[in-house]
Protein backbone atom coordinates (compact mmCIF):
# COMPACT_ATOMS: atom_id res chain seq x y z
CA MET A 1 107.48 121.81 95.93
CA SER A 2 110.24 122.57 98.42
CA ASP A 3 110.09 121.74 102.12
CA SER A 4 109.98 125.43 103.02
CA ASP A 5 106.55 125.75 101.41
CA TYR A 6 104.83 123.99 104.30
CA ASP A 7 105.22 123.06 107.95
CA PHE A 8 103.54 119.66 107.73
CA LEU A 9 102.74 117.14 105.01
CA ILE A 10 99.70 115.17 106.12
CA LYS A 11 98.41 112.12 104.25
CA LEU A 12 94.74 111.27 104.66
CA LEU A 13 93.06 108.17 103.24
CA ALA A 14 89.41 107.87 102.18
CA LEU A 15 88.13 104.33 102.35
CA GLY A 16 84.87 102.44 102.14
CA ASP A 17 82.91 100.31 99.72
CA SER A 18 82.90 101.02 96.00
CA GLY A 19 80.29 103.60 95.07
CA VAL A 20 79.97 105.38 98.43
CA GLY A 21 81.30 108.61 96.90
CA LYS A 22 84.94 108.79 98.01
CA THR A 23 86.21 110.33 94.76
CA SER A 24 83.37 112.84 94.58
CA LEU A 25 83.81 113.93 98.19
CA LEU A 26 87.54 114.52 97.82
CA TYR A 27 86.95 116.40 94.57
CA ASN A 28 84.39 118.59 96.30
CA TYR A 29 86.83 119.31 99.11
CA THR A 30 89.75 120.29 96.88
CA ASP A 31 87.88 121.95 94.00
CA GLY A 32 84.51 122.89 95.47
CA LYS A 33 82.73 121.12 92.61
CA PHE A 34 80.65 118.00 92.01
CA ASN A 35 81.17 115.71 89.04
CA SER A 36 78.49 113.05 88.61
CA LYS A 37 80.45 111.36 85.80
CA PHE A 38 83.34 109.95 87.84
CA VAL A 39 84.13 106.33 87.04
CA THR A 40 85.08 103.77 89.67
CA THR A 41 88.58 104.32 91.04
CA VAL A 42 91.08 101.69 89.93
CA GLY A 43 93.83 101.16 92.51
CA ILE A 44 94.92 104.42 94.17
CA ASP A 45 94.60 108.08 93.24
CA PHE A 46 95.08 111.28 95.21
CA ARG A 47 94.29 114.97 95.35
CA GLU A 48 96.10 117.82 97.12
CA LYS A 49 95.17 120.94 99.02
CA ARG A 50 97.03 123.55 101.06
CA VAL A 51 95.43 124.75 104.30
CA VAL A 52 96.41 126.74 107.36
CA TYR A 53 95.79 125.05 110.69
CA ARG A 54 95.57 127.42 113.65
CA SER A 55 96.18 126.14 117.16
CA GLU A 56 93.87 127.12 119.99
CA ASN A 57 94.80 126.88 123.68
CA ALA A 58 92.53 126.19 126.67
CA ASP A 59 91.72 129.90 126.95
CA GLY A 60 90.50 130.03 123.37
CA ILE A 61 93.50 132.03 122.17
CA THR A 62 94.47 131.25 118.58
CA GLY A 63 98.16 130.65 117.95
CA ARG A 64 100.38 130.86 114.89
CA GLY A 65 99.00 129.23 111.78
CA GLN A 66 100.69 126.01 110.68
CA ARG A 67 100.97 125.56 106.91
CA VAL A 68 99.71 122.08 106.09
CA HIS A 69 100.00 120.36 102.74
CA LEU A 70 97.26 117.73 102.55
CA GLN A 71 97.48 114.67 100.35
CA LEU A 72 94.05 113.05 100.19
CA TRP A 73 94.35 109.49 98.96
CA ASP A 74 91.40 107.93 97.18
CA THR A 75 91.21 104.15 97.36
CA ALA A 76 89.39 101.55 95.31
CA GLY A 77 86.62 99.87 97.27
CA GLN A 78 86.47 96.63 95.33
CA GLU A 79 87.72 93.45 96.97
CA ARG A 80 90.17 92.71 94.15
CA PHE A 81 92.14 95.87 95.00
CA ARG A 82 92.16 95.25 98.76
CA SER A 83 95.80 94.14 98.99
CA LEU A 84 96.91 97.27 97.10
CA THR A 85 94.73 99.53 99.24
CA THR A 86 95.90 98.17 102.59
CA ALA A 87 99.52 98.71 101.56
CA PHE A 88 98.85 102.46 101.85
CA PHE A 89 97.28 102.30 105.31
CA ARG A 90 100.51 102.54 107.28
CA ASP A 91 101.66 105.76 105.60
CA ALA A 92 98.35 107.53 106.20
CA MET A 93 97.95 109.57 109.38
CA GLY A 94 94.15 109.73 109.36
CA PHE A 95 91.18 108.08 107.70
CA LEU A 96 87.84 109.20 106.30
CA LEU A 97 85.76 106.04 106.69
CA MET A 98 82.79 106.39 104.39
CA PHE A 99 79.50 104.65 103.76
CA ASP A 100 76.46 105.43 101.64
CA LEU A 101 73.34 106.53 103.56
CA THR A 102 71.25 104.89 100.83
CA SER A 103 73.04 101.53 101.13
CA GLU A 104 72.66 99.48 104.30
CA GLN A 105 75.33 97.02 103.16
CA SER A 106 77.95 99.76 102.86
CA PHE A 107 77.20 100.70 106.48
CA LEU A 108 77.42 97.11 107.66
CA ASN A 109 80.77 96.78 105.89
CA VAL A 110 82.22 99.66 107.93
CA ARG A 111 83.11 97.06 110.57
CA ASN A 112 85.18 95.15 108.01
CA TRP A 113 87.04 98.32 107.06
CA MET A 114 87.75 99.04 110.72
CA THR A 115 89.20 95.54 111.11
CA GLN A 116 91.49 96.21 108.15
CA LEU A 117 92.59 99.48 109.75
CA GLN A 118 93.39 97.79 113.05
CA MET A 119 95.56 95.30 111.17
CA HIS A 120 97.38 97.63 108.79
CA ALA A 121 97.30 101.22 110.13
CA TYR A 122 100.09 102.87 112.16
CA CYS A 123 98.37 101.78 115.41
CA ASP A 124 95.30 99.81 116.49
CA LYS A 125 93.36 103.02 117.25
CA PRO A 126 94.14 105.43 114.40
CA ASP A 127 92.38 108.76 113.93
CA ILE A 128 89.13 108.13 112.03
CA VAL A 129 86.17 110.29 111.04
CA LEU A 130 83.04 108.40 109.99
CA CYS A 131 81.14 109.91 107.05
CA GLY A 132 77.63 108.95 106.00
CA ASN A 133 77.66 110.26 102.44
CA LYS A 134 74.85 111.23 100.03
CA SER A 135 72.85 113.08 102.67
CA ASP A 136 71.17 115.01 99.84
CA LEU A 137 69.29 111.81 98.89
CA GLU A 138 67.11 111.92 102.00
CA ASP A 139 64.17 110.23 100.28
CA ARG A 140 66.38 107.19 99.62
CA ARG A 141 67.98 106.98 103.06
CA VAL A 142 68.07 103.51 104.65
CA VAL A 143 70.61 104.13 107.43
CA PRO A 144 69.02 106.09 110.31
CA HIS A 145 71.04 108.99 111.70
CA LYS A 146 70.85 107.67 115.25
CA GLN A 147 72.10 104.21 114.26
CA ALA A 148 75.20 105.65 112.59
CA GLU A 149 75.74 108.18 115.36
CA ASP A 150 75.52 105.49 118.05
CA PHE A 151 78.01 103.35 116.14
CA ALA A 152 80.46 106.25 115.89
CA ARG A 153 80.05 107.07 119.59
CA THR A 154 80.69 103.44 120.55
CA HIS A 155 83.93 103.49 118.56
CA GLU A 156 84.89 106.98 119.78
CA MET A 157 85.04 108.73 116.43
CA PRO A 158 83.33 111.86 115.08
CA TYR A 159 80.40 111.34 112.71
CA PHE A 160 79.30 113.61 109.88
CA GLU A 161 76.55 113.20 107.31
CA THR A 162 78.06 114.58 104.13
CA SER A 163 77.04 115.32 100.58
CA ALA A 164 79.57 115.53 97.79
CA ALA A 165 76.80 116.92 95.58
CA THR A 166 75.96 119.93 97.78
CA GLY A 167 79.18 120.18 99.81
CA THR A 168 77.33 119.73 103.11
CA ASN A 169 79.78 118.97 105.95
CA VAL A 170 82.57 118.00 103.54
CA SER A 171 85.05 120.58 104.85
CA LYS A 172 83.88 120.03 108.43
CA ALA A 173 84.66 116.32 108.21
CA VAL A 174 88.17 116.83 106.81
CA ASP A 175 88.88 119.67 109.25
CA ALA A 176 87.81 117.47 112.16
CA LEU A 177 90.18 114.73 111.02
CA LEU A 178 93.07 117.16 110.62
CA ASP A 179 92.38 118.49 114.11
CA LEU A 180 92.60 114.98 115.59
CA ILE A 181 95.91 114.36 113.83
CA MET A 182 97.52 117.64 114.87
CA LYS A 183 96.47 117.14 118.48
CA ARG A 184 97.85 113.59 118.48
CA MET A 185 101.20 114.87 117.16
CA GLU A 186 101.31 117.57 119.83
CA ARG A 187 100.72 115.26 122.78
CA SER A 188 102.76 112.31 121.47
CA VAL A 189 106.03 111.68 123.29
CA ASP A 190 106.99 108.79 121.03
CA LYS A 191 107.20 110.26 117.52
CA SER A 192 108.09 106.96 115.85
CA TRP A 193 104.53 106.51 114.53
CA ILE A 194 104.78 109.71 112.47
CA PRO A 195 105.75 108.83 108.86
CA PRO A 196 109.03 110.30 107.54
CA GLY A 197 108.63 113.57 105.67
CA THR A 198 105.60 114.70 107.68
CA ALA A 199 107.31 117.83 108.99
CA GLY A 200 108.74 120.30 106.49
CA SER A 201 111.82 122.36 107.23
CA GLY A 202 109.56 125.22 108.28
CA ALA A 203 107.97 123.26 111.12
CA ASN A 204 108.33 124.84 114.53
CA GLY A 205 106.48 122.68 116.99
CA GLY A 206 103.10 121.02 117.35
CA ALA A 207 99.65 122.47 117.21
CA GLY A 208 96.40 121.55 118.88
CA GLY A 209 93.54 123.66 117.61
CA LYS A 210 90.51 123.65 115.38
CA VAL A 211 90.61 126.18 112.57
CA ALA A 212 91.65 125.27 109.03
CA VAL A 213 91.71 128.01 106.42
CA VAL A 214 91.96 127.20 102.71
CA GLN A 215 94.91 128.67 100.80
CA ASP A 216 94.82 126.85 97.46
CA ALA A 217 93.81 123.59 95.83
CA GLY A 218 95.83 121.23 93.69
CA LYS A 219 94.97 119.17 90.67
CA SER A 220 94.37 115.45 90.80
CA LYS A 221 97.44 113.31 90.28
CA CYS A 222 97.47 109.62 89.58
CA ALA A 223 99.71 107.50 91.77
CA CYS A 224 98.82 104.14 90.26
């Protein structure tokens, strides 16, 4: 792919305990499908998708669409892969921090993941969207909505209850994260935090809006 094919290359990282549904959620976002037979991710993998991000000013007027090439990195949640996973934190511009609504321990471990982000991400307050996954398994829920919502509010991050099986809020969560990133780039005076290669040769300034429109989806590629 040549630089002229997109305005921005944005790398997002999904992280959380093993088994919370990171691979399934990313697969649902890029392909619109659910595969219950995914095996545990070993190391790092990623998927790709092309979207159009449209800026929106204070008057609600939508600006020119920015062509964004998303790389969605899927990380292993097991402790033995932690050193490999954290090595990718600094190159990511935003994070989908996930836990399983049917697993209290995965929610409690969100704090540990946030500590890792503060240590290894591009800054100590990176753009994060918290996702309580497996919302379709309501009869097995152990993490109350209000508890997770209060936690997200305390840490100033959006919260979505998602389902990779039904697609509920999957696109909304990724779109919200992309919106945070694009707005941060627009208002940032110091651009040193932005990883090299983020802007393609077609880039023509920042954006700060809300609408992401799907163009096409890419196949999964292993980066192990």
